[in-house]
Amino acid sequence: MNQVRRKLFFVIIIFWMIVAISIILNSEARLATERPWLLGNSISWYVGSQTWSAILFALGNVVVALVMSRFLWTLGERWQMPRAFFFFLILLVVALVWLSVFPLGYFDLENQKSVISYLHEAGSRTMFFAMAVVIFFLSTKARLSKPLRVTLRCFVFYAVFCVVAVLAGISGFYAGLLFFESFYIFAFMMLLLWCGEEVTPKSR
């Protein structure tokens, strides 16, 4: 388990390096949108604005999907998670690869969203939902320390907050979309690593 956890930590670093480089190098692309501010556009929007970043992001996500799925599958088996956990784990991995194959905005025309972008959004929303459900299962079924259990449940509440903010069309949320989205993904990854630390010696 420790070896898989180390691999997950390594691919997480690679993922965020790709994201950071893509946002920095593609930051000027935001000037052509109706939301010309850095935080008002999503990670996917910056990544999909150029060919090199879209391809690099897709390749990185495939690696993340492979390592993360193995990590979570092993964790689920050792903690004897229910079948539904593994279903949403598979859904999460498929959605991650799906949204990587269909880059957001890359094929859009002026003032017209492409089918590819709609497909990306479907994968992105599915992944968001699956991430929240996976964390929910971990918070209720696994044998965890109280601090971790509380933090996992806070993540679920944060997911609910994001959904409410989107449905309500809160302008402040959209103004800081890059931050809220990045925090959600980063928190999910860090919680997985934390869960890996709490695999009991008996289960190793």
C-alpha atoms as a PDB file:
ATOM      1  CA  MET A   1       0.000   0.000   0.000  1.00  0.00           C
ATOM      2  CA  ASN A   2       2.825   2.381   0.837  1.00  0.00           C
ATOM      3  CA  GLN A   3       4.333   1.909  -2.613  1.00  0.00           C
ATOM      4  CA  VAL A   4       1.028   2.699  -4.340  1.00  0.00           C
ATOM      5  CA  ARG A   5       0.613   5.728  -2.093  1.00  0.00           C
ATOM      6  CA  ARG A   6       4.051   7.016  -3.063  1.00  0.00           C
ATOM      7  CA  LYS A   7       3.168   6.629  -6.737  1.00  0.00           C
ATOM      8  CA  LEU A   8      -0.061   8.537  -6.149  1.00  0.00           C
ATOM      9  CA  PHE A   9       1.866  11.334  -4.444  1.00  0.00           C
ATOM     10  CA  PHE A  10       4.252  11.498  -7.409  1.00  0.00           C
ATOM     11  CA  VAL A  11       1.490  11.698 -10.057  1.00  0.00           C
ATOM     12  CA  ILE A  12      -0.330  14.339  -8.004  1.00  0.00           C
ATOM     13  CA  ILE A  13       2.774  16.528  -8.222  1.00  0.00           C
ATOM     14  CA  ILE A  14       2.935  15.954 -11.985  1.00  0.00           C
ATOM     15  CA  PHE A  15      -0.769  16.795 -12.343  1.00  0.00           C
ATOM     16  CA  TRP A  16      -0.452  20.141 -10.584  1.00  0.00           C
ATOM     17  CA  MET A  17       2.741  21.004 -12.448  1.00  0.00           C
ATOM     18  CA  ILE A  18       0.880  20.527 -15.734  1.00  0.00           C
ATOM     19  CA  VAL A  19      -2.033  22.601 -14.464  1.00  0.00           C
ATOM     20  CA  ALA A  20       0.201  25.426 -13.230  1.00  0.00           C
ATOM     21  CA  ILE A  21       2.240  25.561 -16.450  1.00  0.00           C
ATOM     22  CA  SER A  22      -0.920  25.509 -18.585  1.00  0.00           C
ATOM     23  CA  ILE A  23      -2.556  28.350 -16.654  1.00  0.00           C
ATOM     24  CA  ILE A  24       0.581  30.502 -16.656  1.00  0.00           C
ATOM     25  CA  LEU A  25       1.437  30.029 -20.336  1.00  0.00           C
ATOM     26  CA  ASN A  26      -2.171  30.234 -21.536  1.00  0.00           C
ATOM     27  CA  SER A  27      -3.270  33.034 -19.217  1.00  0.00           C
ATOM     28  CA  GLU A  28      -3.485  35.610 -22.008  1.00  0.00           C
ATOM     29  CA  ALA A  29      -6.181  33.533 -23.719  1.00  0.00           C
ATOM     30  CA  ARG A  30      -8.667  34.767 -21.108  1.00  0.00           C
ATOM     31  CA  LEU A  31      -8.637  38.194 -22.772  1.00  0.00           C
ATOM     32  CA  ALA A  32     -10.772  36.809 -25.589  1.00  0.00           C
ATOM     33  CA  THR A  33     -13.601  35.738 -23.284  1.00  0.00           C
ATOM     34  CA  GLU A  34     -16.503  37.493 -21.633  1.00  0.00           C
ATOM     35  CA  ARG A  35     -14.805  36.775 -18.287  1.00  0.00           C
ATOM     36  CA  PRO A  36     -11.365  38.378 -18.750  1.00  0.00           C
ATOM     37  CA  TRP A  37     -10.034  37.610 -15.287  1.00  0.00           C
ATOM     38  CA  LEU A  38      -7.677  34.894 -14.200  1.00  0.00           C
ATOM     39  CA  LEU A  39      -9.851  33.289 -11.526  1.00  0.00           C
ATOM     40  CA  GLY A  40     -13.039  33.409 -13.565  1.00  0.00           C
ATOM     41  CA  ASN A  41     -12.087  30.547 -15.886  1.00  0.00           C
ATOM     42  CA  SER A  42     -11.750  26.863 -15.027  1.00  0.00           C
ATOM     43  CA  ILE A  43      -8.655  24.664 -15.209  1.00  0.00           C
ATOM     44  CA  SER A  44     -10.172  22.871 -18.189  1.00  0.00           C
ATOM     45  CA  TRP A  45     -10.685  26.140 -20.037  1.00  0.00           C
ATOM     46  CA  TYR A  46      -7.020  27.107 -19.765  1.00  0.00           C
ATOM     47  CA  VAL A  47      -5.845  23.603 -20.617  1.00  0.00           C
ATOM     48  CA  GLY A  48      -8.136  23.385 -23.655  1.00  0.00           C
ATOM     49  CA  SER A  49      -7.099  26.735 -25.097  1.00  0.00           C
ATOM     50  CA  GLN A  50      -3.942  25.329 -26.715  1.00  0.00           C
ATOM     51  CA  THR A  51      -3.092  22.040 -28.443  1.00  0.00           C
ATOM     52  CA  TRP A  52       0.064  21.291 -26.447  1.00  0.00           C
ATOM     53  CA  SER A  53      -1.624  21.771 -23.074  1.00  0.00           C
ATOM     54  CA  ALA A  54      -4.702  19.757 -24.067  1.00  0.00           C
ATOM     55  CA  ILE A  55      -2.527  16.806 -25.109  1.00  0.00           C
ATOM     56  CA  LEU A  56      -0.219  17.077 -22.105  1.00  0.00           C
ATOM     57  CA  PHE A  57      -3.175  17.315 -19.724  1.00  0.00           C
ATOM     58  CA  ALA A  58      -4.844  14.288 -21.305  1.00  0.00           C
ATOM     59  CA  LEU A  59      -1.699  12.168 -21.010  1.00  0.00           C
ATOM     60  CA  GLY A  60      -1.181  13.265 -17.417  1.00  0.00           C
ATOM     61  CA  ASN A  61      -4.769  12.458 -16.510  1.00  0.00           C
ATOM     62  CA  VAL A  62      -4.501   8.944 -17.928  1.00  0.00           C
ATOM     63  CA  VAL A  63      -1.559   8.297 -15.611  1.00  0.00           C
ATOM     64  CA  VAL A  64      -3.426   9.851 -12.676  1.00  0.00           C
ATOM     65  CA  ALA A  65      -6.482   7.711 -13.444  1.00  0.00           C
ATOM     66  CA  LEU A  66      -4.448   4.494 -13.514  1.00  0.00           C
ATOM     67  CA  VAL A  67      -2.560   5.142 -10.290  1.00  0.00           C
ATOM     68  CA  MET A  68      -5.529   6.599  -8.417  1.00  0.00           C
ATOM     69  CA  SER A  69      -7.833   3.737  -9.416  1.00  0.00           C
ATOM     70  CA  ARG A  70      -5.324   1.160  -8.190  1.00  0.00           C
ATOM     71  CA  PHE A  71      -4.876   3.067  -4.930  1.00  0.00           C
ATOM     72  CA  LEU A  72      -8.595   3.392  -4.262  1.00  0.00           C
ATOM     73  CA  TRP A  73      -9.341  -0.163  -5.327  1.00  0.00           C
ATOM     74  CA  THR A  74      -6.723  -1.521  -2.915  1.00  0.00           C
ATOM     75  CA  LEU A  75      -8.004   0.765  -0.178  1.00  0.00           C
ATOM     76  CA  GLY A  76     -11.581  -0.360  -0.822  1.00  0.00           C
ATOM     77  CA  GLU A  77     -10.674  -4.033  -0.649  1.00  0.00           C
ATOM     78  CA  ARG A  78      -8.711  -3.677   2.582  1.00  0.00           C
ATOM     79  CA  TRP A  79     -11.433  -1.649   4.226  1.00  0.00           C
ATOM     80  CA  GLN A  80     -14.129  -3.951   2.820  1.00  0.00           C
ATOM     81  CA  MET A  81     -16.078  -1.182   1.166  1.00  0.00           C
ATOM     82  CA  PRO A  82     -19.509  -1.965  -0.371  1.00  0.00           C
ATOM     83  CA  ARG A  83     -19.937  -2.667  -4.072  1.00  0.00           C
ATOM     84  CA  ALA A  84     -21.380   0.793  -4.664  1.00  0.00           C
ATOM     85  CA  PHE A  85     -18.015   2.276  -3.695  1.00  0.00           C
ATOM     86  CA  PHE A  86     -16.283   0.395  -6.504  1.00  0.00           C
ATOM     87  CA  PHE A  87     -19.015   1.408  -8.961  1.00  0.00           C
ATOM     88  CA  PHE A  88     -18.459   5.100  -8.261  1.00  0.00           C
ATOM     89  CA  LEU A  89     -14.703   4.553  -8.321  1.00  0.00           C
ATOM     90  CA  ILE A  90     -14.982   3.172 -11.858  1.00  0.00           C
ATOM     91  CA  LEU A  91     -17.320   6.038 -12.775  1.00  0.00           C
ATOM     92  CA  LEU A  92     -14.773   8.525 -11.442  1.00  0.00           C
ATOM     93  CA  VAL A  93     -11.922   7.054 -13.473  1.00  0.00           C
ATOM     94  CA  VAL A  94     -13.997   6.823 -16.663  1.00  0.00           C
ATOM     95  CA  ALA A  95     -15.155  10.445 -16.242  1.00  0.00           C
ATOM     96  CA  LEU A  96     -11.580  11.647 -15.716  1.00  0.00           C
ATOM     97  CA  VAL A  97     -10.392   9.979 -18.922  1.00  0.00           C
ATOM     98  CA  TRP A  98     -13.565  11.094 -20.736  1.00  0.00           C
ATOM     99  CA  LEU A  99     -13.117  14.798 -19.992  1.00  0.00           C
ATOM    100  CA  SER A 100      -9.457  14.534 -20.967  1.00  0.00           C
ATOM    101  CA  VAL A 101     -10.332  13.179 -24.410  1.00  0.00           C
ATOM    102  CA  PHE A 102     -12.747  16.068 -25.047  1.00  0.00           C
ATOM    103  CA  PRO A 103     -10.914  19.364 -24.324  1.00  0.00           C
ATOM    104  CA  LEU A 104     -13.113  22.240 -23.242  1.00  0.00           C
ATOM    105  CA  GLY A 105     -13.297  25.118 -25.713  1.00  0.00           C
ATOM    106  CA  TYR A 106     -10.757  23.743 -28.190  1.00  0.00           C
ATOM    107  CA  PHE A 107     -13.292  23.250 -31.001  1.00  0.00           C
ATOM    108  CA  ASP A 108     -15.598  26.134 -30.082  1.00  0.00           C
ATOM    109  CA  LEU A 109     -16.493  28.714 -32.676  1.00  0.00           C
ATOM    110  CA  GLU A 110     -17.009  32.384 -31.896  1.00  0.00           C
ATOM    111  CA  ASN A 111     -19.985  32.667 -29.535  1.00  0.00           C
ATOM    112  CA  GLN A 112     -20.881  29.019 -30.162  1.00  0.00           C
ATOM    113  CA  LYS A 113     -20.027  26.094 -27.902  1.00  0.00           C
ATOM    114  CA  SER A 114     -19.031  22.878 -29.674  1.00  0.00           C
ATOM    115  CA  VAL A 115     -20.335  19.359 -29.036  1.00  0.00           C
ATOM    116  CA  ILE A 116     -16.873  18.494 -27.715  1.00  0.00           C
ATOM    117  CA  SER A 117     -17.231  21.114 -24.993  1.00  0.00           C
ATOM    118  CA  TYR A 118     -20.639  19.733 -23.990  1.00  0.00           C
ATOM    119  CA  LEU A 119     -19.121  16.251 -23.793  1.00  0.00           C
ATOM    120  CA  HIS A 120     -16.315  17.603 -21.635  1.00  0.00           C
ATOM    121  CA  GLU A 121     -18.778  19.267 -19.278  1.00  0.00           C
ATOM    122  CA  ALA A 122     -20.719  16.012 -18.953  1.00  0.00           C
ATOM    123  CA  GLY A 123     -17.540  14.207 -17.959  1.00  0.00           C
ATOM    124  CA  SER A 124     -16.482  16.986 -15.616  1.00  0.00           C
ATOM    125  CA  ARG A 125     -19.779  17.039 -13.748  1.00  0.00           C
ATOM    126  CA  THR A 126     -19.830  13.261 -13.524  1.00  0.00           C
ATOM    127  CA  MET A 127     -16.328  13.275 -12.071  1.00  0.00           C
ATOM    128  CA  PHE A 128     -17.292  15.984  -9.559  1.00  0.00           C
ATOM    129  CA  PHE A 129     -20.250  13.922  -8.380  1.00  0.00           C
ATOM    130  CA  ALA A 130     -18.281  10.658  -8.247  1.00  0.00           C
ATOM    131  CA  MET A 131     -15.501  12.289  -6.204  1.00  0.00           C
ATOM    132  CA  ALA A 132     -17.988  13.475  -3.606  1.00  0.00           C
ATOM    133  CA  VAL A 133     -19.659  10.059  -3.388  1.00  0.00           C
ATOM    134  CA  VAL A 134     -16.335   8.217  -3.048  1.00  0.00           C
ATOM    135  CA  ILE A 135     -15.317  10.506  -0.183  1.00  0.00           C
ATOM    136  CA  PHE A 136     -18.755  10.058   1.394  1.00  0.00           C
ATOM    137  CA  PHE A 137     -18.339   6.281   1.379  1.00  0.00           C
ATOM    138  CA  LEU A 138     -14.895   6.569   2.923  1.00  0.00           C
ATOM    139  CA  SER A 139     -16.251   8.806   5.675  1.00  0.00           C
ATOM    140  CA  THR A 140     -19.048   6.408   6.637  1.00  0.00           C
ATOM    141  CA  LYS A 141     -17.706   2.916   6.039  1.00  0.00           C
ATOM    142  CA  ALA A 142     -13.978   2.999   6.717  1.00  0.00           C
ATOM    143  CA  ARG A 143     -12.361   2.787  10.142  1.00  0.00           C
ATOM    144  CA  LEU A 144     -10.849   6.227  10.406  1.00  0.00           C
ATOM    145  CA  SER A 145      -9.533   8.568  13.047  1.00  0.00           C
ATOM    146  CA  LYS A 146     -11.962  11.249  14.121  1.00  0.00           C
ATOM    147  CA  PRO A 147     -10.009  14.167  12.550  1.00  0.00           C
ATOM    148  CA  LEU A 148      -9.950  12.451   9.169  1.00  0.00           C
ATOM    149  CA  ARG A 149     -13.601  11.444   9.370  1.00  0.00           C
ATOM    150  CA  VAL A 150     -14.612  15.028  10.155  1.00  0.00           C
ATOM    151  CA  THR A 151     -12.464  16.376   7.324  1.00  0.00           C
ATOM    152  CA  LEU A 152     -13.963  13.908   4.856  1.00  0.00           C
ATOM    153  CA  ARG A 153     -17.452  15.008   5.808  1.00  0.00           C
ATOM    154  CA  CYS A 154     -16.443  18.661   5.459  1.00  0.00           C
ATOM    155  CA  PHE A 155     -15.382  17.842   1.906  1.00  0.00           C
ATOM    156  CA  VAL A 156     -18.837  16.441   1.180  1.00  0.00           C
ATOM    157  CA  PHE A 157     -20.425  19.620   2.564  1.00  0.00           C
ATOM    158  CA  TYR A 158     -18.089  21.656   0.368  1.00  0.00           C
ATOM    159  CA  ALA A 159     -19.265  19.665  -2.659  1.00  0.00           C
ATOM    160  CA  VAL A 160     -22.867  20.487  -1.740  1.00  0.00           C
ATOM    161  CA  PHE A 161     -21.930  24.161  -1.382  1.00  0.00           C
ATOM    162  CA  CYS A 162     -20.411  24.167  -4.889  1.00  0.00           C
ATOM    163  CA  VAL A 163     -23.533  22.582  -6.371  1.00  0.00           C
ATOM    164  CA  VAL A 164     -25.799  25.111  -4.656  1.00  0.00           C
ATOM    165  CA  ALA A 165     -23.574  27.991  -5.798  1.00  0.00           C
ATOM    166  CA  VAL A 166     -23.738  26.825  -9.414  1.00  0.00           C
ATOM    167  CA  LEU A 167     -27.482  26.206  -9.395  1.00  0.00           C
ATOM    168  CA  ALA A 168     -28.113  29.569  -7.735  1.00  0.00           C
ATOM    169  CA  GLY A 169     -25.802  31.332 -10.195  1.00  0.00           C
ATOM    170  CA  ILE A 170     -23.862  33.098  -7.447  1.00  0.00           C
ATOM    171  CA  SER A 171     -21.641  35.631  -9.210  1.00  0.00           C
ATOM    172  CA  GLY A 172     -18.974  35.564  -6.507  1.00  0.00           C
ATOM    173  CA  PHE A 173     -18.532  31.829  -7.014  1.00  0.00           C
ATOM    174  CA  TYR A 174     -18.037  32.194 -10.758  1.00  0.00           C
ATOM    175  CA  ALA A 175     -15.646  35.089 -10.194  1.00  0.00           C
ATOM    176  CA  GLY A 176     -13.418  32.722  -8.223  1.00  0.00           C
ATOM    177  CA  LEU A 177     -14.163  29.553 -10.178  1.00  0.00           C
ATOM    178  CA  LEU A 178     -10.509  28.640 -10.678  1.00  0.00           C
ATOM    179  CA  PHE A 179      -9.885  28.781  -6.935  1.00  0.00           C
ATOM    180  CA  PHE A 180     -12.986  26.830  -5.905  1.00  0.00           C
ATOM    181  CA  GLU A 181     -12.405  24.142  -8.522  1.00  0.00           C
ATOM    182  CA  SER A 182      -8.695  23.804  -7.756  1.00  0.00           C
ATOM    183  CA  PHE A 183      -9.347  23.580  -4.025  1.00  0.00           C
ATOM    184  CA  TYR A 184     -11.945  20.841  -4.588  1.00  0.00           C
ATOM    185  CA  ILE A 185      -9.590  18.675  -6.648  1.00  0.00           C
ATOM    186  CA  PHE A 186      -6.581  19.357  -4.415  1.00  0.00           C
ATOM    187  CA  ALA A 187      -8.541  18.530  -1.252  1.00  0.00           C
ATOM    188  CA  PHE A 188      -9.763  15.282  -2.792  1.00  0.00           C
ATOM    189  CA  MET A 189      -6.217  14.199  -3.626  1.00  0.00           C
ATOM    190  CA  MET A 190      -4.859  15.140  -0.203  1.00  0.00           C
ATOM    191  CA  LEU A 191      -7.652  13.242   1.524  1.00  0.00           C
ATOM    192  CA  LEU A 192      -6.790  10.123  -0.456  1.00  0.00           C
ATOM    193  CA  LEU A 193      -3.193  10.372   0.714  1.00  0.00           C
ATOM    194  CA  TRP A 194      -4.388  10.872   4.284  1.00  0.00           C
ATOM    195  CA  CYS A 195      -6.589   7.787   4.033  1.00  0.00           C
ATOM    196  CA  GLY A 196      -3.548   5.857   2.840  1.00  0.00           C
ATOM    197  CA  GLU A 197      -1.769   6.762   6.063  1.00  0.00           C
ATOM    198  CA  GLU A 198      -4.539   5.216   8.132  1.00  0.00           C
ATOM    199  CA  VAL A 199      -4.423   1.726   6.666  1.00  0.00           C
ATOM    200  CA  THR A 200      -4.005  -0.330   9.826  1.00  0.00           C
ATOM    201  CA  PRO A 201      -0.881  -2.481  10.250  1.00  0.00           C
ATOM    202  CA  LYS A 202      -3.086  -5.543  10.247  1.00  0.00           C
ATOM    203  CA  SER A 203      -4.357  -4.757   6.741  1.00  0.00           C
ATOM    204  CA  ARG A 204      -0.938  -4.114   5.220  1.00  0.00           C
END
